[in-house]
């Protein structure tokens, strides 16, 4: 499976407005198009950040689902309201699952760590991460962005882990995430 880890920087005080709109208008239409939405989160360390994950069977499915959603009536009806809350929506990592969130209850808050590397992550380190007690592990995916209307951070050498566990690189970005009411991960 292919996932996006999306971090939106919002105008001050507008996060709950976006979450309310997102959960009311955008969840079911994306699910109906075959996307998964494993996590919708408030970033406990930044009151103006909304973090979420979206999954797809593969890159062709991603392209088709995104074209249908962003070209469809729901997005067209609500995009101006959603975009008015955002300063930046381009902080997006394209990931593939090493170990997905299979039937886990995460509680709140959930720690996510983005481990940055200077080169592609070696397989032995991926295996080490998978053996740790993390709830889920993802690696950077180097596929071409087949839906360029939504930019992703290309060429990032990352492992993304959820749950408690060790830092796997010298550069780690740690997020403390609080699931929203509609988050599948709770």
Protein backbone atom coordinates (compact mmCIF):
# COMPACT_ATOMS: atom_id res chain seq x y z
CA UNK A 1 0.00 0.00 0.00
CA UNK A 2 0.97 3.60 -0.60
CA UNK A 3 0.37 6.27 2.04
CA UNK A 4 0.62 10.01 2.32
CA UNK A 5 1.60 11.62 5.61
CA UNK A 6 0.13 15.11 5.25
CA UNK A 7 0.98 18.00 7.60
CA UNK A 8 -1.02 21.18 7.03
CA UNK A 9 0.03 24.51 8.50
CA UNK A 10 -3.10 26.51 9.19
CA UNK A 11 -3.95 30.12 9.83
CA UNK A 12 -3.91 30.80 13.60
CA UNK A 13 -7.00 29.53 15.35
CA UNK A 14 -8.50 27.76 12.31
CA UNK A 15 -7.57 24.11 12.99
CA UNK A 16 -10.87 23.03 14.55
CA UNK A 17 -12.74 24.75 11.72
CA UNK A 18 -10.84 22.64 9.16
CA UNK A 19 -11.24 19.45 11.18
CA UNK A 20 -14.99 19.99 11.47
CA UNK A 21 -15.30 20.58 7.72
CA UNK A 22 -12.99 17.67 6.90
CA UNK A 23 -14.80 15.19 9.11
CA UNK A 24 -18.26 16.33 8.00
CA UNK A 25 -17.64 16.59 4.23
CA UNK A 26 -14.45 14.79 3.15
CA UNK A 27 -14.19 11.45 4.99
CA UNK A 28 -16.97 9.43 3.34
CA UNK A 29 -16.33 10.66 -0.23
CA UNK A 30 -12.66 9.63 0.00
CA UNK A 31 -13.53 6.25 1.49
CA UNK A 32 -16.12 5.71 -1.26
CA UNK A 33 -13.34 6.19 -3.84
CA UNK A 34 -11.23 3.41 -2.28
CA UNK A 35 -8.90 5.54 -0.17
CA UNK A 36 -8.18 4.69 3.45
CA UNK A 37 -7.91 7.36 6.14
CA UNK A 38 -6.13 5.63 9.01
CA UNK A 39 -5.40 8.74 11.02
CA UNK A 40 -6.68 12.29 11.46
CA UNK A 41 -4.81 14.23 14.14
CA UNK A 42 -4.27 17.46 15.97
CA UNK A 43 -0.55 18.12 16.48
CA UNK A 44 -0.28 18.63 20.26
CA UNK A 45 2.93 20.61 19.75
CA UNK A 46 1.46 23.06 17.23
CA UNK A 47 -2.07 24.44 17.62
CA UNK A 48 -2.08 25.45 13.96
CA UNK A 49 -1.21 22.08 12.43
CA UNK A 50 -3.50 19.33 11.16
CA UNK A 51 -1.81 15.98 10.42
CA UNK A 52 -3.43 13.12 8.58
CA UNK A 53 -2.69 9.95 6.67
CA UNK A 54 -4.33 8.73 3.51
CA UNK A 55 -3.74 5.33 1.90
CA UNK A 56 -4.13 3.80 -1.56
CA UNK A 57 -3.79 0.29 -2.94
CA UNK A 58 -1.01 1.43 -5.31
CA UNK A 59 0.09 4.44 -7.36
CA UNK A 60 -2.41 3.94 -10.23
CA UNK A 61 -5.21 3.73 -7.64
CA UNK A 62 -3.86 6.91 -6.01
CA UNK A 63 -3.93 8.78 -9.31
CA UNK A 64 -7.49 7.67 -10.12
CA UNK A 65 -8.87 8.33 -6.63
CA UNK A 66 -7.30 11.77 -6.32
CA UNK A 67 -8.48 12.79 -9.79
CA UNK A 68 -12.02 11.67 -8.93
CA UNK A 69 -12.06 13.40 -5.54
CA UNK A 70 -10.43 16.70 -6.50
CA UNK A 71 -12.35 16.82 -9.78
CA UNK A 72 -15.63 15.90 -8.11
CA UNK A 73 -18.53 17.84 -6.66
CA UNK A 74 -17.67 17.53 -2.95
CA UNK A 75 -14.23 19.13 -3.26
CA UNK A 76 -15.57 21.77 -5.64
CA UNK A 77 -18.31 22.68 -3.15
CA UNK A 78 -15.98 22.96 -0.13
CA UNK A 79 -12.47 23.67 -1.43
CA UNK A 80 -12.64 27.43 -0.89
CA UNK A 81 -13.67 26.97 2.75
CA UNK A 82 -10.94 24.35 3.30
CA UNK A 83 -8.22 26.34 1.53
CA UNK A 84 -9.14 29.49 3.49
CA UNK A 85 -7.96 27.75 6.68
CA UNK A 86 -4.55 26.77 5.25
CA UNK A 87 -1.22 28.52 4.93
CA UNK A 88 0.55 25.44 3.52
CA UNK A 89 -0.66 21.99 2.49
CA UNK A 90 2.48 20.84 0.64
CA UNK A 91 4.30 19.15 3.54
CA UNK A 92 3.56 15.65 2.30
CA UNK A 93 5.63 12.47 2.45
CA UNK A 94 4.84 9.60 0.10
CA UNK A 95 5.33 6.35 2.02
CA UNK A 96 5.02 2.60 1.64
CA UNK A 97 4.07 0.38 4.55
CA UNK A 98 6.67 -1.81 6.23
CA UNK A 99 4.19 -2.62 9.01
CA UNK A 100 0.75 -1.00 8.73
CA UNK A 101 -1.69 -0.17 11.53
CA UNK A 102 -3.31 -3.61 11.64
CA UNK A 103 -6.01 -3.73 14.30
CA UNK A 104 -4.24 -1.49 16.79
CA UNK A 105 -5.70 0.79 19.39
CA UNK A 106 -3.31 3.68 19.82
CA UNK A 107 -4.75 5.72 22.63
CA UNK A 108 -3.98 9.38 22.90
CA UNK A 109 -1.59 10.94 22.34
CA UNK A 110 0.29 9.01 19.67
CA UNK A 111 3.97 9.61 19.01
CA UNK A 112 5.09 9.75 15.39
CA UNK A 113 8.76 10.03 14.47
CA UNK A 114 10.11 10.95 11.07
CA UNK A 115 13.66 9.59 10.91
CA UNK A 116 15.72 11.39 8.22
CA UNK A 117 18.69 9.84 6.39
CA UNK A 118 21.23 11.13 3.86
CA UNK A 119 20.74 8.16 1.52
CA UNK A 120 18.11 5.49 0.90
CA UNK A 121 17.41 3.57 4.09
CA UNK A 122 19.34 0.29 4.21
CA UNK A 123 17.27 -2.90 4.36
CA UNK A 124 18.86 -3.99 7.65
CA UNK A 125 17.67 -0.75 9.26
CA UNK A 126 14.17 -1.24 7.84
CA UNK A 127 14.19 -4.75 9.33
CA UNK A 128 15.42 -3.36 12.66
CA UNK A 129 12.59 -0.82 12.70
CA UNK A 130 10.06 -3.55 11.92
CA UNK A 131 11.38 -5.59 14.86
CA UNK A 132 10.96 -2.70 17.32
CA UNK A 133 7.75 -2.29 19.34
CA UNK A 134 6.42 0.47 17.08
CA UNK A 135 2.70 0.29 16.24
CA UNK A 136 3.46 0.93 12.56
CA UNK A 137 6.49 1.55 10.34
CA UNK A 138 6.61 3.23 6.92
CA UNK A 139 9.47 3.99 4.55
CA UNK A 140 9.86 6.75 2.01
CA UNK A 141 8.48 5.79 -1.39
CA UNK A 142 10.38 7.00 -4.44
CA UNK A 143 7.54 6.64 -6.94
CA UNK A 144 6.84 9.49 -9.31
CA UNK A 145 4.07 11.76 -8.08
CA UNK A 146 1.35 10.78 -10.55
CA UNK A 147 -0.98 13.56 -9.34
CA UNK A 148 1.17 16.71 -9.57
CA UNK A 149 -1.70 19.01 -8.57
CA UNK A 150 -0.90 17.79 -5.03
CA UNK A 151 2.85 18.18 -4.44
CA UNK A 152 4.82 15.71 -2.36
CA UNK A 153 8.33 16.00 -0.96
CA UNK A 154 10.27 13.96 -3.52
CA UNK A 155 13.54 12.19 -2.81
CA UNK A 156 13.17 12.12 0.98
CA UNK A 157 15.08 9.30 2.66
CA UNK A 158 12.87 8.58 5.67
CA UNK A 159 11.44 6.01 7.98
CA UNK A 160 8.24 7.05 9.74
CA UNK A 161 7.33 5.24 12.93
CA UNK A 162 4.26 5.44 15.13
CA UNK A 163 4.26 4.55 18.81
CA UNK A 164 7.05 4.33 21.31
CA UNK A 165 10.49 3.18 20.22
CA UNK A 166 14.06 4.34 19.69
CA UNK A 167 15.33 7.06 17.38
CA UNK A 168 16.77 5.36 14.29
CA UNK A 169 18.75 8.29 12.89
CA UNK A 170 20.56 11.38 14.08
CA UNK A 171 17.83 13.65 12.66
CA UNK A 172 14.37 12.89 13.99
CA UNK A 173 11.23 15.01 13.85
CA UNK A 174 8.86 13.99 16.64
CA UNK A 175 5.14 14.70 16.48
CA UNK A 176 2.73 14.25 19.36
CA UNK A 177 -0.61 13.48 17.74
CA UNK A 178 -4.08 13.55 19.25
CA UNK A 179 -6.68 11.60 17.23
CA UNK A 180 -9.73 13.58 16.12
CA UNK A 181 -13.25 12.24 16.65
CA UNK A 182 -13.34 10.58 13.21
CA UNK A 183 -9.81 9.17 13.23
CA UNK A 184 -9.76 5.43 12.58
CA UNK A 185 -6.76 5.26 14.91
CA UNK A 186 -8.01 5.96 18.41
